[in-house]
Amino acid sequence: MSIWKILFCSCEETESVLSFLKNVMIVVLLLLHHDPPTCDAISNNQTHCKPSSCGKISKIKYPFRLMNDPTTCGDPSYELSCENNRTVLTLFSGKYYVQEINYKNYTIRLVDPGIEESDCSSTPQYFLTGSNFSANSLEEEWVPYGVYYRLGYENIIYLNCSKAVKDDPWYVDTSPCINRDSNSYLYAFANTYREDDVSNIFYVGRLKDYCRVKVVAISSSNLPNRPLSYQQIHGVLVYGFQLSWITSPCRDTCGDKLSCYFNQTSRDLECSKPYYDCQYPFGDYVNCTQISKPLVLLEDVLLGIAKGVLQIFGILKSSHSKPENIDFKISIELGRVTGRYILPFFGPRYEYLNAK
């Protein structure tokens, strides 16, 4: 075969490879400009929705909605129901009475339906603790409700004991209100969290061998650092507990990519860029707000080429990439295919031409 034919074939192959690489770069550029579709949570129809009311809760408005409101009104994640003229919110299959919706600090106050104000013998119907909720943060998975961070939470723990507890004053006897049988004692423990004093924290070692937990209720009251009477504990349960629904207005105000918080001074929501440590494919760490997507995709392509070359020599057998982002997966795979199947065409022909 003449040198001209070899060069002509090599040029044709080179043009095809360059054409392929050009297509690769086009795909990469398309990925750079690809953004998932976004939409505003508050549609234009929301402005035409009249506030609803149920019982003592009036002016129920976005993001809340009553079950029978028009489908275009409110957010389904914040749907309430009106039962026996009482506003009800369903949480973890339990139905809680709504006592108040605060549109200024984005909280909702709830009370367990088993608690009656005029009857101190009434006890919580549902098992609920603060650990059922996450602290509100848009940096985590989106959830409609969270613990109101300015109040935190306290747990009221009811315990059935086979004999009287005499060595722990935080075990509050419920007998002034609740009649007990001759074989058991019912206590309430107001569990609070304070860094300066652990005397009122209920932990595993504090559970008596002869007691078992009956039910746990959540409270948002700022309890004093001393044992309470059971009437006072019941009063705390009558007030109920507050949850924050700030994630909805934060999402509407700041979108899904920014952090959001409630400024207590200005009483407004403020957006900020979240700080994360992100790692480039080649190992460098950088603030995620400053990361360069083009550079990440370029490094992914180069990383994929290296993987493809290693597969040729049998050093790397798996072609699966670790990134969860589909853009980065495609970039690595494009590079791997180039290194595994395209570059080998140049190796033998380059050596052949040099030999000539």
Protein backbone atom coordinates (compact mmCIF):
# COMPACT_ATOMS: atom_id res chain seq x y z
CA MET A 1 0.00 0.00 0.00
CA SER A 2 1.41 3.40 -0.97
CA ILE A 3 2.14 6.14 1.51
CA TRP A 4 -0.51 8.34 -0.12
CA LYS A 5 -3.20 5.72 0.38
CA ILE A 6 -2.19 5.28 4.01
CA LEU A 7 -2.30 9.02 4.55
CA PHE A 8 -5.61 9.28 2.70
CA CYS A 9 -7.16 6.53 4.86
CA SER A 10 -5.71 8.09 7.99
CA CYS A 11 -7.13 11.46 7.03
CA GLU A 12 -10.56 9.97 6.45
CA GLU A 13 -10.46 8.23 9.83
CA THR A 14 -9.16 11.40 11.43
CA GLU A 15 -12.06 13.38 9.95
CA SER A 16 -14.55 10.83 11.23
CA VAL A 17 -13.00 10.92 14.69
CA LEU A 18 -12.98 14.72 14.69
CA SER A 19 -16.60 14.66 13.58
CA PHE A 20 -17.41 12.36 16.46
CA LEU A 21 -15.56 14.56 18.93
CA LYS A 22 -17.39 17.58 17.52
CA ASN A 23 -20.69 15.85 18.22
CA VAL A 24 -19.45 15.08 21.72
CA MET A 25 -18.78 18.77 22.34
CA ILE A 26 -22.21 19.69 20.98
CA VAL A 27 -23.82 17.27 23.44
CA VAL A 28 -21.73 18.72 26.27
CA LEU A 29 -22.79 22.27 25.33
CA LEU A 30 -26.42 21.19 25.27
CA LEU A 31 -25.99 19.71 28.74
CA LEU A 32 -24.52 22.99 29.96
CA HIS A 33 -27.60 24.88 28.86
CA HIS A 34 -30.04 22.26 30.07
CA ASP A 35 -32.07 23.26 33.11
CA PRO A 36 -35.09 21.40 34.47
CA PRO A 37 -38.37 23.20 33.94
CA THR A 38 -39.51 25.38 36.79
CA CYS A 39 -42.82 26.83 37.71
CA ASP A 40 -44.17 29.18 40.30
CA ALA A 41 -45.93 27.48 43.19
CA ILE A 42 -48.44 30.28 43.34
CA SER A 43 -50.40 30.34 40.11
CA ASN A 44 -52.35 33.33 38.93
CA ASN A 45 -55.51 31.55 40.06
CA GLN A 46 -54.35 31.84 43.69
CA THR A 47 -54.98 35.57 43.67
CA HIS A 48 -58.65 34.91 42.91
CA CYS A 49 -59.19 32.41 45.75
CA LYS A 50 -61.33 33.69 48.59
CA PRO A 51 -60.14 32.84 52.13
CA SER A 52 -61.93 29.87 53.70
CA SER A 53 -63.03 29.43 57.29
CA CYS A 54 -63.98 26.62 59.65
CA GLY A 55 -65.06 27.14 63.23
CA LYS A 56 -62.81 29.63 64.99
CA ILE A 57 -60.15 29.48 62.26
CA SER A 58 -60.99 32.19 59.74
CA LYS A 59 -59.15 33.54 56.70
CA ILE A 60 -57.56 30.22 55.71
CA LYS A 61 -55.46 31.20 52.71
CA TYR A 62 -52.47 30.11 50.63
CA PRO A 63 -50.65 27.81 51.04
CA PHE A 64 -53.44 26.27 53.15
CA ARG A 65 -56.68 25.05 51.69
CA LEU A 66 -59.76 23.25 52.92
CA MET A 67 -60.58 19.88 51.44
CA ASN A 68 -63.63 21.19 49.59
CA ASP A 69 -61.95 24.30 48.18
CA PRO A 70 -61.50 24.60 44.39
CA THR A 71 -58.59 22.49 43.18
CA THR A 72 -56.78 25.59 41.92
CA CYS A 73 -56.67 27.08 45.43
CA GLY A 74 -53.95 26.35 47.95
CA ASP A 75 -51.22 23.74 48.04
CA PRO A 76 -52.32 20.08 48.44
CA SER A 77 -49.43 19.55 50.87
CA TYR A 78 -51.18 21.99 53.22
CA GLU A 79 -54.71 20.68 52.95
CA LEU A 80 -56.96 20.96 56.01
CA SER A 81 -60.38 19.51 56.67
CA CYS A 82 -63.40 20.87 58.49
CA GLU A 83 -64.90 18.26 60.82
CA ASN A 84 -67.69 19.07 63.27
CA ASN A 85 -66.94 22.75 62.79
CA ARG A 86 -63.29 22.27 63.80
CA THR A 87 -60.29 22.74 61.53
CA VAL A 88 -58.26 19.54 61.35
CA LEU A 89 -54.77 18.77 60.06
CA THR A 90 -53.76 15.17 59.39
CA LEU A 91 -50.20 14.30 60.47
CA PHE A 92 -48.78 10.77 60.32
CA SER A 93 -52.30 9.31 60.11
CA GLY A 94 -53.36 11.27 63.19
CA LYS A 95 -55.88 14.12 63.14
CA TYR A 96 -54.97 17.24 65.13
CA TYR A 97 -57.11 20.26 65.88
CA VAL A 98 -55.83 23.54 64.45
CA GLN A 99 -55.78 26.25 67.11
CA GLU A 100 -54.09 29.03 65.15
CA ILE A 101 -52.40 29.78 61.82
CA ASN A 102 -49.84 32.57 62.04
CA TYR A 103 -49.08 34.12 58.64
CA LYS A 104 -46.49 36.49 60.10
CA ASN A 105 -44.00 33.97 61.48
CA TYR A 106 -45.23 31.02 59.35
CA THR A 107 -46.35 28.72 62.15
CA ILE A 108 -49.40 26.60 62.85
CA ARG A 109 -50.46 25.61 66.36
CA LEU A 110 -52.06 22.21 66.87
CA VAL A 111 -53.49 20.22 69.76
CA ASP A 112 -54.03 16.50 70.19
CA PRO A 113 -57.76 15.68 69.90
CA GLY A 114 -57.58 13.59 73.06
CA ILE A 115 -56.85 16.67 75.19
CA GLU A 116 -59.84 18.56 76.57
CA GLU A 117 -59.33 21.92 78.26
CA SER A 118 -62.01 21.43 80.90
CA ASP A 119 -61.00 17.85 81.75
CA CYS A 120 -57.52 17.29 83.19
CA SER A 121 -58.09 13.53 83.08
CA SER A 122 -57.93 13.67 79.29
CA THR A 123 -54.71 12.31 77.79
CA PRO A 124 -53.09 12.46 74.33
CA GLN A 125 -54.55 10.17 71.72
CA TYR A 126 -51.54 9.99 69.42
CA PHE A 127 -47.88 9.15 69.87
CA LEU A 128 -45.88 12.10 68.51
CA THR A 129 -42.41 13.47 69.30
CA GLY A 130 -40.23 16.26 67.97
CA SER A 131 -38.02 13.67 66.27
CA ASN A 132 -40.89 13.01 63.83
CA PHE A 133 -40.02 16.35 62.27
CA SER A 134 -36.85 17.79 60.83
CA ALA A 135 -35.60 21.28 61.44
CA ASN A 136 -36.77 23.41 58.53
CA SER A 137 -34.02 23.70 55.95
CA LEU A 138 -34.20 24.01 52.20
CA GLU A 139 -30.81 22.33 52.05
CA GLU A 140 -32.52 19.06 52.93
CA GLU A 141 -35.32 17.19 51.28
CA TRP A 142 -38.42 19.37 51.09
CA VAL A 143 -41.01 18.70 53.82
CA PRO A 144 -44.16 20.74 54.47
CA TYR A 145 -43.78 21.00 58.25
CA GLY A 146 -40.89 21.24 60.66
CA VAL A 147 -40.12 22.12 64.25
CA TYR A 148 -40.34 25.86 64.87
CA TYR A 149 -36.68 26.60 65.59
CA ARG A 150 -37.26 29.57 67.92
CA LEU A 151 -39.25 27.45 70.34
CA GLY A 152 -37.84 24.00 69.78
CA TYR A 153 -39.92 21.30 71.37
CA GLU A 154 -40.42 19.35 74.55
CA ASN A 155 -41.88 15.90 75.00
CA ILE A 156 -44.48 14.98 77.59
CA ILE A 157 -43.94 11.30 78.34
CA TYR A 158 -46.64 9.19 80.01
CA LEU A 159 -45.39 6.12 81.86
CA ASN A 160 -47.24 3.17 83.37
CA CYS A 161 -45.40 1.82 86.41
CA SER A 162 -46.13 -1.28 88.47
CA LYS A 163 -45.08 0.50 91.67
CA ALA A 164 -44.65 4.03 92.91
CA VAL A 165 -41.63 6.08 91.83
CA LYS A 166 -40.20 7.80 94.90
CA ASP A 167 -36.65 8.73 93.89
CA ASP A 168 -37.25 11.02 90.89
CA PRO A 169 -39.32 14.22 91.30
CA TRP A 170 -39.65 14.59 87.51
CA TYR A 171 -41.98 11.58 87.51
CA VAL A 172 -45.16 13.58 88.16
CA ASP A 173 -48.10 11.63 89.56
CA THR A 174 -51.26 12.07 87.48
CA SER A 175 -53.59 10.84 90.23
CA PRO A 176 -54.96 14.30 91.08
CA CYS A 177 -56.70 14.13 87.72
CA ILE A 178 -56.57 10.53 86.53
CA ASN A 179 -57.89 7.68 88.59
CA ARG A 180 -55.52 4.73 88.72
CA ASP A 181 -56.17 1.11 89.44
CA SER A 182 -54.65 -0.65 92.43
CA ASN A 183 -51.94 -2.39 90.40
CA SER A 184 -50.39 0.48 88.46
CA TYR A 185 -49.30 4.10 88.62
CA LEU A 186 -49.45 6.63 85.79
CA TYR A 187 -46.79 9.33 85.65
CA ALA A 188 -46.08 12.24 83.31
CA PHE A 189 -42.51 13.34 82.64
CA ALA A 190 -41.99 16.81 81.11
CA ASN A 191 -38.83 16.23 79.09
CA THR A 192 -37.01 19.43 78.11
CA TYR A 193 -33.64 20.11 76.50
CA ARG A 194 -31.22 22.50 78.14
CA GLU A 195 -27.46 22.53 77.74
CA ASP A 196 -26.86 23.90 81.23
CA ASP A 197 -28.93 21.29 83.09
CA VAL A 198 -29.66 17.64 82.26
CA SER A 199 -31.84 16.96 85.31
CA ASN A 200 -35.03 17.17 83.26
CA ILE A 201 -33.86 15.10 80.29
CA PHE A 202 -35.43 11.69 79.92
CA TYR A 203 -32.92 9.13 78.67
CA VAL A 204 -32.86 5.34 78.54
CA GLY A 205 -31.03 4.95 81.84
CA ARG A 206 -33.70 7.02 83.56
CA LEU A 207 -36.50 4.63 82.64
CA LYS A 208 -37.32 2.50 85.64
CA ASP A 209 -37.28 -1.27 85.22
CA TYR A 210 -40.86 -1.42 86.44
CA CYS A 211 -42.16 1.30 84.10
CA ARG A 212 -43.06 1.36 80.42
CA VAL A 213 -43.81 4.25 78.10
CA LYS A 214 -47.52 4.56 77.35
CA VAL A 215 -47.62 7.57 75.02
CA VAL A 216 -45.50 10.61 74.14
CA ALA A 217 -46.89 14.02 73.20
CA ILE A 218 -45.05 17.05 71.82
CA SER A 219 -45.12 20.55 73.28
CA SER A 220 -43.74 23.92 72.21
CA SER A 221 -44.11 25.63 75.58
CA ASN A 222 -41.02 27.03 77.22
CA LEU A 223 -41.17 24.95 80.37
CA PRO A 224 -39.44 26.12 83.56
CA ASN A 225 -36.44 24.19 84.78
CA ARG A 226 -38.28 22.59 87.67
CA PRO A 227 -40.85 19.82 88.16
CA LEU A 228 -44.42 20.90 87.37
CA SER A 229 -47.71 19.81 88.85
CA TYR A 230 -49.78 17.56 86.64
CA GLN A 231 -52.40 20.32 86.24
CA GLN A 232 -49.63 22.52 84.79
CA ILE A 233 -48.48 19.73 82.47
CA HIS A 234 -52.05 19.29 81.26
CA GLY A 235 -52.26 23.03 80.64
CA VAL A 236 -49.16 22.76 78.42
CA LEU A 237 -50.90 20.06 76.37
CA VAL A 238 -54.04 22.21 76.12
CA TYR A 239 -51.97 24.99 74.55
CA GLY A 240 -50.63 22.49 72.01
CA PHE A 241 -47.53 22.67 69.87
CA GLN A 242 -46.30 24.83 67.01
CA LEU A 243 -44.93 23.67 63.71
CA SER A 244 -43.30 25.81 61.05
CA TRP A 245 -44.56 25.80 57.46
CA ILE A 246 -41.87 28.21 56.28
CA THR A 247 -40.67 25.83 53.56
CA SER A 248 -43.60 26.78 51.32
CA PRO A 249 -43.11 30.58 51.32
CA CYS A 250 -39.34 30.03 51.17
CA ARG A 251 -39.74 27.91 48.06
CA ASP A 252 -41.98 30.56 46.51
CA THR A 253 -39.63 33.40 47.43
CA CYS A 254 -36.17 31.88 46.95
CA GLY A 255 -36.76 28.88 44.71
CA ASP A 256 -35.27 25.45 45.26
CA LYS A 257 -31.57 26.34 44.96
CA LEU A 258 -31.24 28.98 47.69
CA SER A 259 -31.41 28.76 51.45
CA CYS A 260 -34.07 30.79 53.18
CA TYR A 261 -34.57 32.10 56.68
CA PHE A 262 -36.92 34.35 58.61
CA ASN A 263 -35.31 37.63 59.68
CA GLN A 264 -36.68 38.41 63.14
CA THR A 265 -35.76 42.08 62.84
CA SER A 266 -37.26 42.91 59.47
CA ARG A 267 -39.94 40.18 59.80
CA ASP A 268 -39.22 39.21 56.20
CA LEU A 269 -37.94 36.13 54.44
CA GLU A 270 -34.39 36.43 53.16
CA CYS A 271 -32.57 34.27 50.64
CA SER A 272 -28.95 33.22 50.77
CA LYS A 273 -26.69 30.87 48.89
CA PRO A 274 -26.15 27.63 50.82
CA TYR A 275 -22.58 26.70 51.61
CA TYR A 276 -21.52 23.19 50.67
CA ASP A 277 -18.20 21.52 50.06
CA CYS A 278 -18.28 20.14 46.53
CA GLN A 279 -15.58 18.01 44.95
CA TYR A 280 -14.45 18.17 41.34
CA PRO A 281 -13.96 14.83 39.55
CA PHE A 282 -10.18 15.23 39.88
CA GLY A 283 -10.43 15.68 43.64
CA ASP A 284 -10.33 19.45 44.27
CA TYR A 285 -12.83 20.83 46.82
CA VAL A 286 -14.67 24.10 46.33
CA ASN A 287 -17.68 26.00 47.63
CA CYS A 288 -20.65 24.58 45.72
CA THR A 289 -21.90 28.09 44.95
CA GLN A 290 -18.64 28.72 43.04
CA ILE A 291 -18.35 25.43 41.20
CA SER A 292 -17.95 25.59 37.42
CA LYS A 293 -20.25 23.20 35.62
CA PRO A 294 -18.27 23.42 32.33
CA LEU A 295 -15.11 22.46 34.20
CA VAL A 296 -16.88 19.58 35.91
CA LEU A 297 -18.16 18.27 32.57
CA LEU A 298 -14.70 18.66 30.98
CA GLU A 299 -13.05 16.77 33.82
CA ASP A 300 -15.74 14.10 33.55
CA VAL A 301 -14.99 13.65 29.83
CA LEU A 302 -11.24 13.37 30.54
CA LEU A 303 -11.94 10.98 33.41
CA GLY A 304 -14.07 8.89 31.07
CA ILE A 305 -11.27 8.78 28.47
CA ALA A 306 -8.86 7.57 31.14
CA LYS A 307 -11.32 4.86 32.17
CA GLY A 308 -11.70 3.77 28.55
CA VAL A 309 -7.92 3.47 28.10
CA LEU A 310 -7.64 1.45 31.32
CA GLN A 311 -10.32 -0.91 30.05
CA ILE A 312 -8.24 -1.60 26.94
CA PHE A 313 -5.47 -3.00 29.14
CA GLY A 314 -7.92 -4.85 31.38
CA ILE A 315 -7.06 -2.73 34.43
CA LEU A 316 -10.62 -1.45 34.82
CA LYS A 317 -13.47 -3.85 34.17
CA SER A 318 -16.53 -1.91 35.30
CA SER A 319 -17.87 0.94 33.18
CA HIS A 320 -20.35 2.18 35.76
CA SER A 321 -19.87 5.75 36.93
CA LYS A 322 -20.59 7.01 40.40
CA PRO A 323 -22.17 10.46 39.82
CA GLU A 324 -25.93 10.59 40.30
CA ASN A 325 -26.34 13.65 38.04
CA ILE A 326 -27.41 12.48 34.58
CA ASP A 327 -25.37 15.23 32.87
CA PHE A 328 -22.16 14.04 34.52
CA LYS A 329 -22.96 10.39 33.81
CA ILE A 330 -23.32 11.17 30.11
CA SER A 331 -20.06 13.16 30.09
CA ILE A 332 -18.10 10.32 31.68
CA GLU A 333 -19.66 7.77 29.36
CA LEU A 334 -18.82 9.86 26.29
CA GLY A 335 -15.23 10.10 27.45
CA ARG A 336 -15.08 6.38 28.24
CA VAL A 337 -16.38 5.41 24.78
CA THR A 338 -13.83 7.77 23.20
CA GLY A 339 -10.96 6.30 25.21
CA ARG A 340 -12.10 2.71 24.79
CA TYR A 341 -13.15 2.54 21.15
CA ILE A 342 -12.01 5.68 19.27
CA LEU A 343 -8.45 6.39 20.44
CA PRO A 344 -7.21 2.80 19.77
CA PHE A 345 -7.65 3.45 16.02
CA PHE A 346 -4.88 6.04 16.16
CA GLY A 347 -2.36 3.92 18.06
CA PRO A 348 -1.55 1.21 15.44
CA ARG A 349 -1.77 3.60 12.45
CA TYR A 350 0.47 6.16 14.12
CA GLU A 351 3.08 3.51 14.83
CA TYR A 352 2.76 2.20 11.22
CA LEU A 353 3.35 5.64 9.70
CA ASN A 354 6.32 6.26 11.96
CA ALA A 355 7.81 2.93 10.90
CA LYS A 356 7.53 3.97 7.25
